[in-house]
Protein backbone atom coordinates (compact mmCIF):
# COMPACT_ATOMS: atom_id res chain seq x y z
CA PRO A 1 0.00 0.00 0.00
CA ARG A 2 1.07 3.56 -0.71
CA GLY A 3 1.28 6.13 2.06
CA PRO A 4 1.78 9.87 2.24
CA PRO A 5 5.50 10.78 2.58
CA VAL A 6 5.03 12.77 5.77
CA LYS A 7 6.17 12.78 9.39
CA GLY A 8 4.47 10.58 11.95
CA THR A 9 3.62 7.51 9.91
CA GLU A 10 5.14 5.28 12.63
CA LEU A 11 2.54 6.32 15.22
CA GLU A 12 0.22 3.77 16.77
CA GLY A 13 -3.31 4.29 15.43
CA ILE A 14 -2.38 4.49 11.74
CA THR A 15 -3.43 1.54 9.59
CA THR A 16 -4.20 0.54 6.02
CA LEU A 17 -7.07 -1.58 4.71
CA GLU A 18 -5.18 -4.18 2.71
CA THR A 19 -5.21 -7.47 4.62
CA LEU A 20 -7.61 -9.54 6.68
CA GLU A 21 -5.63 -8.47 9.73
CA ASP A 22 -6.37 -4.82 8.87
CA ALA A 23 -10.07 -5.64 8.62
CA ASP A 24 -9.96 -7.51 11.93
CA LEU A 25 -8.36 -4.48 13.57
CA LEU A 26 -11.13 -2.18 12.34
CA ARG A 27 -13.75 -4.66 13.53
CA LYS A 28 -12.08 -4.75 16.94
CA ILE A 29 -12.08 -0.95 17.06
CA ARG A 30 -15.79 -0.96 16.26
CA ASP A 31 -16.58 -3.55 18.93
CA GLU A 32 -14.54 -1.82 21.66
CA GLY A 33 -16.24 1.52 21.00
CA LYS A 34 -13.35 3.56 22.42
CA ILE A 35 -12.41 5.62 19.38
CA ARG A 36 -14.57 8.67 18.73
CA LYS A 37 -12.79 10.45 15.84
CA ALA A 38 -11.06 9.03 12.78
CA VAL A 39 -9.80 10.15 9.39
CA VAL A 40 -9.58 8.27 6.12
CA VAL A 41 -6.73 9.46 3.91
CA GLY A 42 -7.84 8.97 0.31
CA GLY A 43 -11.20 9.29 -1.42
CA GLY A 44 -11.03 6.33 -3.78
CA LEU A 45 -12.97 3.06 -3.69
CA ILE A 46 -11.32 1.63 -0.57
CA GLY A 47 -11.35 4.96 1.28
CA LEU A 48 -15.06 5.50 0.69
CA GLU A 49 -15.97 2.01 1.85
CA ALA A 50 -13.82 2.47 4.97
CA CYS A 51 -15.61 5.76 5.61
CA GLU A 52 -18.98 4.05 5.56
CA ALA A 53 -17.85 1.25 7.87
CA LEU A 54 -16.40 3.62 10.46
CA ASN A 55 -19.38 5.99 10.27
CA LEU A 56 -21.84 3.16 10.82
CA ALA A 57 -19.75 2.14 13.86
CA GLY A 58 -20.60 5.49 15.41
CA ILE A 59 -17.21 7.11 14.78
CA ASP A 60 -16.98 10.75 13.69
CA ILE A 61 -15.24 10.31 10.34
CA THR A 62 -13.49 12.72 7.96
CA VAL A 63 -12.29 11.78 4.48
CA ILE A 64 -9.24 13.73 3.29
CA GLU A 65 -8.65 13.74 -0.46
CA MET A 66 -5.73 15.57 -2.04
CA LEU A 67 -7.45 15.88 -5.45
CA PRO A 68 -10.32 18.32 -6.12
CA GLN A 69 -12.91 15.53 -5.83
CA ILE A 70 -13.52 12.08 -4.41
CA MET A 71 -13.61 9.02 -6.71
CA ILE A 72 -11.57 10.46 -9.56
CA SER A 73 -13.01 7.95 -12.06
CA LEU A 74 -16.26 9.93 -11.91
CA ASP A 75 -16.68 13.27 -13.63
CA ARG A 76 -16.88 16.14 -11.19
CA GLN A 77 -20.67 16.65 -11.09
CA LEU A 78 -21.38 13.02 -10.21
CA ALA A 79 -18.55 13.00 -7.67
CA LYS A 80 -20.09 16.07 -6.03
CA LEU A 81 -23.50 14.35 -5.85
CA LEU A 82 -21.88 11.32 -4.21
CA GLU A 83 -20.10 13.62 -1.76
CA ASN A 84 -23.40 15.34 -0.91
CA ASN A 85 -25.00 12.00 -0.10
CA MET A 86 -22.09 11.03 2.15
CA ARG A 87 -22.44 14.32 4.01
CA SER A 88 -26.13 13.61 4.53
CA TRP A 89 -25.10 10.49 6.47
CA GLY A 90 -22.82 12.54 8.72
CA ALA A 91 -19.46 12.01 7.02
CA ASN A 92 -17.11 14.98 6.67
CA ILE A 93 -15.36 15.38 3.30
CA ILE A 94 -12.29 17.53 2.64
CA THR A 95 -11.06 17.78 -0.95
CA GLY A 96 -8.21 19.70 -2.51
CA ASN A 97 -6.11 19.27 0.61
CA ALA A 98 -3.62 16.69 1.84
CA VAL A 99 -2.11 15.40 5.06
CA ALA A 100 1.13 17.23 5.86
CA GLU A 101 1.87 15.46 9.15
CA PHE A 102 0.47 12.89 11.55
CA LEU A 103 0.49 14.34 15.06
CA GLY A 104 1.25 12.18 18.08
CA GLU A 105 1.72 12.10 21.83
CA ASP A 106 3.62 9.33 23.61
CA GLY A 107 3.85 7.37 20.37
CA ARG A 108 0.14 7.43 19.66
CA LEU A 109 -1.83 9.30 16.99
CA VAL A 110 -3.79 12.30 18.29
CA GLY A 111 -4.44 14.23 15.09
CA VAL A 112 -3.47 15.16 11.54
CA LYS A 113 -2.20 18.44 10.15
CA LEU A 114 -3.30 19.39 6.64
CA GLN A 115 -1.29 21.28 4.05
CA ASN A 116 -3.33 24.44 4.66
CA GLY A 117 -2.41 24.33 8.35
CA THR A 118 -5.70 22.96 9.67
CA GLU A 119 -5.34 20.44 12.48
CA LEU A 120 -7.94 17.71 12.98
CA PRO A 121 -8.03 15.68 16.19
CA CYS A 122 -8.35 11.93 15.65
CA GLU A 123 -7.40 8.65 17.30
CA LEU A 124 -7.41 6.54 14.12
CA ALA A 125 -6.20 7.12 10.57
CA VAL A 126 -6.94 4.68 7.75
CA VAL A 127 -4.54 5.29 4.85
CA ALA A 128 -6.20 4.38 1.54
CA VAL A 129 -4.27 6.23 -1.15
CA GLY A 130 -3.81 3.24 -3.46
CA VAL A 131 -1.31 0.45 -3.91
CA ALA A 132 1.96 0.12 -5.79
CA PRO A 133 2.98 -3.08 -7.59
CA ASN A 134 5.23 -5.34 -5.53
CA VAL A 135 7.95 -6.04 -8.08
CA SER A 136 11.03 -6.62 -5.92
CA LEU A 137 11.23 -10.33 -6.79
CA ALA A 138 10.68 -9.59 -10.48
CA ARG A 139 13.35 -6.90 -10.48
CA ASP A 140 15.80 -9.26 -8.77
CA ALA A 141 15.01 -11.82 -11.47
CA GLY A 142 15.86 -9.30 -14.18
CA LEU A 143 12.33 -8.93 -15.51
CA GLU A 144 11.32 -5.77 -17.36
CA ILE A 145 9.46 -3.18 -15.28
CA GLY A 146 7.27 -0.67 -17.11
CA GLU A 147 6.36 3.00 -16.81
CA ALA A 148 3.40 2.18 -14.53
CA ARG A 149 5.94 0.47 -12.21
CA GLY A 150 4.43 -2.96 -12.87
CA ILE A 151 5.88 -6.06 -14.48
CA VAL A 152 5.63 -5.83 -18.27
CA VAL A 153 3.67 -8.71 -19.81
CA ASN A 154 2.42 -9.47 -23.32
CA GLU A 155 -1.10 -10.53 -24.31
CA TYR A 156 -0.33 -14.05 -23.04
CA LEU A 157 0.71 -12.69 -19.59
CA GLN A 158 4.28 -13.67 -20.42
CA THR A 159 7.06 -11.53 -18.94
CA SER A 160 10.34 -10.53 -20.60
CA ASP A 161 11.54 -14.00 -19.56
CA PRO A 162 9.42 -16.36 -21.74
CA ASP A 163 9.44 -19.02 -19.02
CA ILE A 164 7.83 -16.70 -16.45
CA TYR A 165 4.20 -15.57 -16.45
CA ALA A 166 2.80 -12.90 -14.13
CA ILE A 167 -0.71 -11.84 -13.18
CA GLY A 168 -2.63 -9.68 -10.75
CA ASP A 169 -1.63 -6.61 -8.79
CA CYS A 170 2.07 -6.78 -9.72
CA ILE A 171 1.66 -6.32 -13.50
CA GLU A 172 0.67 -3.50 -15.83
CA ILE A 173 -1.72 -4.08 -18.71
CA PRO A 174 -3.01 -2.08 -21.71
CA HIS A 175 -6.01 0.20 -21.38
CA LEU A 176 -8.06 -0.73 -24.42
CA LEU A 177 -9.31 2.82 -25.06
CA THR A 178 -6.08 4.76 -24.61
CA GLY A 179 -3.40 2.23 -25.52
CA LYS A 180 -1.45 3.19 -22.39
CA ARG A 181 -0.21 0.54 -20.01
CA ILE A 182 -1.76 0.98 -16.57
CA HIS A 183 -1.72 -0.62 -13.14
CA ALA A 184 -5.17 -2.15 -12.60
CA PRO A 185 -5.25 -3.97 -9.24
CA PHE A 186 -8.77 -5.44 -9.38
CA GLY A 187 -9.80 -8.90 -8.23
CA ASP A 188 -11.89 -9.73 -11.28
CA LEU A 189 -9.03 -8.92 -13.65
CA ALA A 190 -6.60 -10.99 -11.57
CA ASN A 191 -8.88 -14.01 -11.90
CA LEU A 192 -9.23 -13.56 -15.67
CA GLU A 193 -5.48 -13.13 -16.01
CA GLY A 194 -4.89 -16.24 -13.89
CA ARG A 195 -7.09 -18.36 -16.14
CA ALA A 196 -5.23 -17.24 -19.27
CA ALA A 197 -1.75 -17.48 -17.78
CA GLY A 198 -2.41 -20.92 -16.30
CA GLU A 199 -3.57 -22.28 -19.63
CA ASN A 200 -0.64 -20.74 -21.47
CA ALA A 201 1.91 -22.06 -18.99
CA VAL A 202 0.58 -25.61 -19.43
CA VAL A 203 -0.28 -25.92 -23.14
CA GLY A 204 1.61 -23.04 -24.71
CA ASN A 205 0.53 -19.53 -25.63
CA ASN A 206 -3.07 -19.93 -26.66
CA ALA A 207 -5.27 -17.83 -24.35
CA VAL A 208 -5.14 -14.06 -24.80
CA PHE A 209 -5.82 -11.40 -22.18
CA PRO A 210 -6.13 -8.15 -24.19
CA GLY A 211 -6.34 -5.57 -21.40
CA THR A 212 -8.91 -3.56 -19.49
CA ILE A 213 -11.45 -0.79 -19.89
CA SER A 214 -11.28 0.02 -16.14
CA THR A 215 -14.64 -1.07 -14.77
CA GLY A 216 -15.35 -0.59 -11.07
CA ILE A 217 -18.14 -0.17 -8.55
CA CYS A 218 -18.52 0.56 -4.86
CA LYS A 219 -21.25 0.94 -2.27
CA VAL A 220 -21.24 4.06 -0.10
CA PHE A 221 -24.09 4.19 2.42
CA ASN A 222 -27.34 3.83 0.44
CA TYR A 223 -25.69 4.80 -2.87
CA GLN A 224 -23.81 2.72 -5.38
CA ALA A 225 -21.33 4.35 -7.74
CA GLY A 226 -19.82 2.68 -10.77
CA THR A 227 -17.77 3.54 -13.82
CA THR A 228 -16.56 1.80 -16.96
CA GLY A 229 -14.38 3.13 -19.74
CA LEU A 230 -13.26 6.75 -19.71
CA SER A 231 -14.76 9.73 -17.95
CA GLU A 232 -15.32 12.78 -20.13
CA ALA A 233 -12.25 14.45 -18.62
CA ARG A 234 -10.02 11.43 -19.22
CA ALA A 235 -11.36 10.94 -22.74
CA ARG A 236 -10.31 14.49 -23.54
CA GLU A 237 -6.87 13.88 -22.00
CA ALA A 238 -6.53 10.78 -24.18
CA GLY A 239 -7.00 12.83 -27.34
CA TYR A 240 -10.65 12.14 -28.07
CA ASP A 241 -13.24 14.82 -28.82
CA PRO A 242 -15.86 13.63 -26.33
CA ILE A 243 -19.56 14.40 -26.22
CA SER A 244 -21.68 13.33 -23.27
CA ALA A 245 -25.23 13.12 -22.00
CA MET A 246 -26.52 12.93 -18.44
CA VAL A 247 -29.92 11.50 -17.57
CA ALA A 248 -31.77 10.78 -14.34
CA GLY A 249 -34.66 8.48 -13.54
CA PRO A 250 -35.75 5.46 -11.51
CA ASP A 251 -34.25 2.03 -12.11
CA LYS A 252 -37.79 0.61 -12.45
CA PRO A 253 -41.31 2.05 -12.28
CA GLY A 254 -42.31 3.95 -9.18
CA PHE A 255 -45.18 1.59 -8.47
CA MET A 256 -42.59 -1.21 -8.22
CA GLY A 257 -40.43 0.72 -5.75
CA GLY A 258 -38.04 2.22 -8.28
CA LEU A 259 -35.00 4.07 -6.94
CA LEU A 260 -33.08 6.96 -8.47
CA LEU A 261 -30.20 6.54 -10.90
CA ILE A 262 -28.11 9.36 -12.34
CA THR A 263 -26.30 8.24 -15.47
CA LYS A 264 -23.71 9.74 -17.81
CA MET A 265 -22.66 8.34 -21.17
CA VAL A 266 -19.56 9.56 -23.02
CA ALA A 267 -18.87 9.00 -26.72
CA ASP A 268 -16.43 10.08 -29.40
CA ARG A 269 -18.04 12.97 -31.28
CA LYS A 270 -16.61 11.93 -34.65
CA THR A 271 -17.27 8.18 -34.70
CA GLY A 272 -20.05 7.84 -32.13
CA ARG A 273 -18.16 5.07 -30.36
CA VAL A 274 -19.13 4.80 -26.69
CA LEU A 275 -16.08 5.58 -24.58
CA GLY A 276 -17.37 5.67 -21.03
CA PHE A 277 -20.33 5.29 -18.73
CA GLN A 278 -20.94 6.39 -15.15
CA CYS A 279 -23.90 5.64 -12.92
CA MET A 280 -24.74 6.36 -9.30
CA GLY A 281 -27.65 6.46 -6.90
CA PRO A 282 -29.63 4.16 -4.62
CA GLY A 283 -30.94 2.15 -7.60
CA ASP A 284 -29.42 -0.87 -9.33
CA VAL A 285 -26.16 0.59 -10.60
CA ALA A 286 -24.36 -2.72 -11.17
CA LYS A 287 -26.73 -3.78 -13.96
CA GLN A 288 -26.27 -0.50 -15.83
CA ILE A 289 -22.48 -0.61 -15.51
CA GLY A 290 -22.40 -4.23 -16.66
CA GLN A 291 -24.46 -3.49 -19.77
CA ALA A 292 -22.30 -0.51 -20.64
CA ALA A 293 -19.06 -2.42 -20.06
CA VAL A 294 -20.09 -5.03 -22.62
CA ALA A 295 -21.01 -2.29 -25.10
CA ILE A 296 -17.70 -0.46 -24.65
CA LYS A 297 -15.64 -3.66 -24.89
CA ALA A 298 -17.51 -4.56 -28.08
CA GLY A 299 -16.79 -1.16 -29.64
CA MET A 300 -20.45 -0.27 -29.96
CA THR A 301 -21.59 3.17 -31.07
CA VAL A 302 -24.39 5.32 -29.72
CA ASP A 303 -26.48 4.34 -32.76
CA ASP A 304 -25.91 0.66 -31.91
CA MET A 305 -27.20 1.20 -28.37
CA VAL A 306 -30.43 3.10 -29.01
CA ASN A 307 -32.30 -0.11 -29.91
CA LEU A 308 -30.72 -2.60 -27.52
CA ASP A 309 -33.11 -5.50 -26.93
CA LEU A 310 -32.89 -5.81 -23.14
CA PRO A 311 -35.21 -7.80 -20.85
CA TYR A 312 -38.21 -5.79 -19.63
CA ALA A 313 -40.79 -6.37 -16.93
CA PRO A 314 -41.90 -3.74 -14.37
CA PRO A 315 -40.48 -5.59 -11.33
CA PHE A 316 -37.01 -5.35 -12.88
CA THR A 317 -36.59 -2.35 -15.14
CA LEU A 318 -38.17 0.47 -17.13
CA ALA A 319 -39.59 -0.08 -20.61
CA ILE A 320 -36.68 2.06 -21.82
CA ASP A 321 -33.71 1.07 -19.69
CA ASN A 322 -31.53 3.83 -18.24
CA THR A 323 -28.57 2.82 -20.40
CA VAL A 324 -30.70 3.00 -23.53
CA MET A 325 -32.23 6.27 -22.35
CA ALA A 326 -28.77 7.78 -22.05
CA ALA A 327 -28.01 6.62 -25.60
CA HIS A 328 -31.26 8.24 -26.83
CA VAL A 329 -30.36 11.59 -25.29
CA LEU A 330 -26.80 11.42 -26.56
CA GLN A 331 -28.01 10.58 -30.06
CA ASN A 332 -30.40 13.55 -29.94
CA LYS A 333 -27.47 15.79 -29.01
CA MET A 334 -25.28 14.39 -31.77
CA ARG A 335 -28.06 14.97 -34.32
CA GLY A 336 -28.63 18.52 -33.16
CA LEU A 337 -32.10 17.82 -31.75
CA MET A 338 -31.07 18.83 -28.26
CA LYS A 339 -28.60 21.38 -26.93
CA GLY A 340 -27.62 20.36 -23.44
CA ILE A 341 -25.94 22.21 -20.61
CA SER A 342 -24.58 20.71 -17.41
CA ALA A 343 -25.40 21.93 -13.94
CA GLU A 344 -21.74 22.92 -13.62
CA GLU A 345 -21.99 25.16 -16.67
CA VAL A 346 -25.19 26.76 -15.38
CA LYS A 347 -23.54 27.46 -12.03
CA ARG A 348 -20.51 29.01 -13.74
CA LYS A 349 -22.74 31.29 -15.80
CA LEU A 350 -24.63 32.48 -12.75
CA ASP A 351 -21.43 33.01 -10.75
CA ALA A 352 -20.06 35.08 -13.63
CA GLY A 353 -23.08 37.38 -13.50
CA GLU A 354 -24.76 36.09 -16.65
CA GLU A 355 -28.57 36.19 -16.68
CA PRO A 356 -30.03 33.42 -18.82
CA LEU A 357 -33.79 32.90 -18.63
CA ILE A 358 -34.19 29.68 -16.63
CA ILE A 359 -37.60 28.01 -17.02
CA ASP A 360 -38.73 25.31 -14.59
CA LEU A 361 -41.38 23.22 -16.38
CA ARG A 362 -42.57 21.19 -13.39
CA SER A 363 -45.91 21.49 -11.64
CA PRO A 364 -46.54 24.09 -8.89
CA GLU A 365 -46.70 21.26 -6.35
CA GLU A 366 -43.26 19.97 -7.35
CA TYR A 367 -41.85 23.50 -7.31
CA GLU A 368 -43.21 24.10 -3.83
CA ALA A 369 -41.71 20.84 -2.55
CA MET A 370 -38.22 21.33 -4.03
CA ARG A 371 -36.60 24.11 -6.03
CA LEU A 372 -33.18 25.42 -6.89
CA GLY A 373 -33.71 29.11 -6.14
CA ILE A 374 -31.38 30.35 -8.90
CA GLY A 375 -33.83 32.80 -10.43
CA GLU A 376 -35.83 30.24 -12.35
CA VAL A 377 -39.34 31.06 -13.62
CA LEU A 378 -42.05 28.45 -13.10
CA ILE A 379 -44.02 27.71 -16.27
CA PRO A 380 -45.55 24.21 -16.07
CA ILE A 381 -45.19 22.27 -19.31
CA GLY A 382 -48.96 22.12 -19.74
CA ALA A 383 -49.18 25.93 -19.57
CA LEU A 384 -46.24 26.71 -21.85
CA ARG A 385 -48.23 27.24 -25.06
CA ARG A 386 -50.72 29.66 -23.56
CA ARG A 387 -47.98 31.52 -21.69
CA ALA A 388 -45.65 31.79 -24.67
CA ASN A 389 -46.30 35.53 -24.69
CA GLU A 390 -44.21 35.71 -21.49
CA LEU A 391 -41.09 34.63 -23.37
CA PRO A 392 -38.57 37.39 -24.21
CA GLU A 393 -38.87 39.36 -27.43
CA ASP A 394 -35.20 38.75 -28.22
CA LEU A 395 -35.13 35.45 -30.13
CA ASP A 396 -31.39 35.11 -29.41
CA ARG A 397 -31.80 35.34 -25.61
CA GLU A 398 -30.29 32.36 -23.84
CA ILE A 399 -33.03 30.13 -22.37
CA ILE A 400 -32.33 27.13 -20.13
CA CYS A 401 -35.14 24.62 -19.58
CA LEU A 402 -35.29 22.15 -16.73
CA CYS A 403 -37.62 19.91 -14.75
CA LYS A 404 -37.14 17.08 -12.27
CA ILE A 405 -35.05 14.94 -14.66
CA SER A 406 -35.28 17.24 -17.75
CA LEU A 407 -37.62 15.14 -19.92
CA ARG A 408 -40.17 17.96 -19.72
CA GLY A 409 -37.23 20.31 -20.07
CA TYR A 410 -36.47 18.74 -23.44
CA GLU A 411 -40.11 18.88 -24.54
CA GLY A 412 -40.34 22.53 -23.52
CA ALA A 413 -37.08 23.40 -25.29
CA ARG A 414 -38.30 21.84 -28.54
CA TYR A 415 -41.50 23.88 -28.42
CA ILE A 416 -39.66 27.12 -27.64
CA GLU A 417 -37.27 26.47 -30.53
CA SER A 418 -40.28 26.04 -32.82
CA LEU A 419 -41.18 29.65 -32.03
CA GLY A 420 -37.92 30.82 -33.54
CA TYR A 421 -35.68 31.02 -30.48
CA THR A 422 -32.08 30.19 -31.36
CA ASN A 423 -30.31 29.67 -28.03
CA VAL A 424 -32.39 27.18 -26.05
CA ARG A 425 -30.65 24.57 -23.90
CA VAL A 426 -31.74 21.76 -21.57
CA MET A 427 -30.11 21.34 -18.15
CA GLU A 428 -29.17 17.67 -18.24
CA GLY A 429 -30.26 15.53 -15.31
CA GLY A 430 -32.64 18.21 -14.07
CA VAL A 431 -33.20 19.24 -10.47
CA VAL A 432 -32.19 15.85 -9.02
CA ALA A 433 -28.73 16.09 -10.60
CA TRP A 434 -28.06 19.62 -9.28
CA PRO A 435 -25.04 19.17 -6.97
CA TYR A 436 -25.14 22.61 -5.32
CA PRO A 437 -27.31 23.97 -2.47
CA ARG A 438 -31.03 24.36 -3.21
CA GLU A 439 -33.39 27.00 -1.91
CA LYS A 440 -35.80 24.27 -0.84
C-alpha cells in the first residue's frame, strides 16, 4: 500500500485496509467503541468504503482527499453528488487538501495536520491512497518493469523471460481505449489473467488477455457508484473529442419501488463510439455498468445502443432502460435535436453574472416541494403554449429549460425552438442532478 511521505507515519493508530488483519483491527475498534474520531486518507474506492464502515460504527469520520474531488473515475458533477450523499449520512469530506503530518503524543496518533495548516483531532487514521505493484522479486530476477511500475507482460501474460508468467496486482496491462499501459489492481481482472496465464503455462501460448477498460463499482451508504471506460475528462486527456449526455430516472417504475439513478454516457463525437459510462444512486447501478461495459468492450456506437433489446418487466426495469435512455439523449445531441448544458456550466454562468432565462417546467406542487432558487421562472409544461407571450422578445436570448429529470425540459425546449428562439438549452439531469445547495 502507498502512504503519504510525511512525518508521523510510525505512530500507533495508523493503519491501512489491505489485509484480513487490517479488517480484523477495524472490527475490533468498532466492537470496543473507544475511538470517537477518525480520518480516512484517500477518497477512492477503498477509502469511501472504509468511511462508511467507520461511520456506521458510530465514529466521527473525515475523508481527506488531495485531489479536487472524491472518486476520480467519476466526472466532477457526479462525484459532487456522491459527496453530498455522504455528508447527509454525517461524514465529513475535505477535498483539494492533503495530510502534511500525523500528530502524536507518547507514540500514539492524536491528530493530523493538513497542508493548509488545519489540524484535525483523531485517534485513528486509515490510509487508503492506493497500492503500488510489488515487483522486488521480479526486479531481482531481471524482468522488465514498465512506466506504470508494474511487471511488463504481453497478451499471453508472459514476462520478458518467456518461461515466467505474471498476473494480478504486480503487473501492468493495456487500457483498451487509450493504448497506455496501466496498473489495474482489481480482483476480477486478476482471476481472468490467472485463467489465461495458467492455460498458457501448461499448453503453450493460446489464451489471450487483451487488457482492461477500467470497470469498477462501490457501495457508499445507500448509494452505489460505478464507472466503466473513460470519464469525459479522461477521454479528452486521451485525445478524443468527447460528447456526453446525463440522464436521471428510476431504475424501475415507481409503483414497483423504483430508486433513483443518475447516469452519464460519453462517446467520441466523430465516430459515435461509446467511450465511457458512469452511474450512481440508490438504484441498481451494477446492472447498468455491466451493460455498458459489454457495449464499450464490443466497440459499440451510440447508434448501436439506441435499440438494444434488453429484458423488460416492471419488477425489474423500465420499458426504456436507463442505459438506452442515455443513448437516446446522446443521439439527440449528436443529431442537433437537443442542446444540453450541465449543472456545472449553469452554475458558472450564474457566478459570472450572466442572466439566462431559466424556465422550470414542473408542476406548482413539485416546485413548492423542491426548487433550486437560482432565479428560475415556473411555467408548467402544460401551460407553456398559452404563456408563450411571457417569453422574451429577443429570439437570441439564452433560455435554459429544466424539470425534475429534464424530460419535460427537453419537450419545452423543442417547443420554444419552434417559435424561432435560437439559443435554447436543456439542463441535463434536471433538479435531481443539481449538486449545489437548493433553496428548498
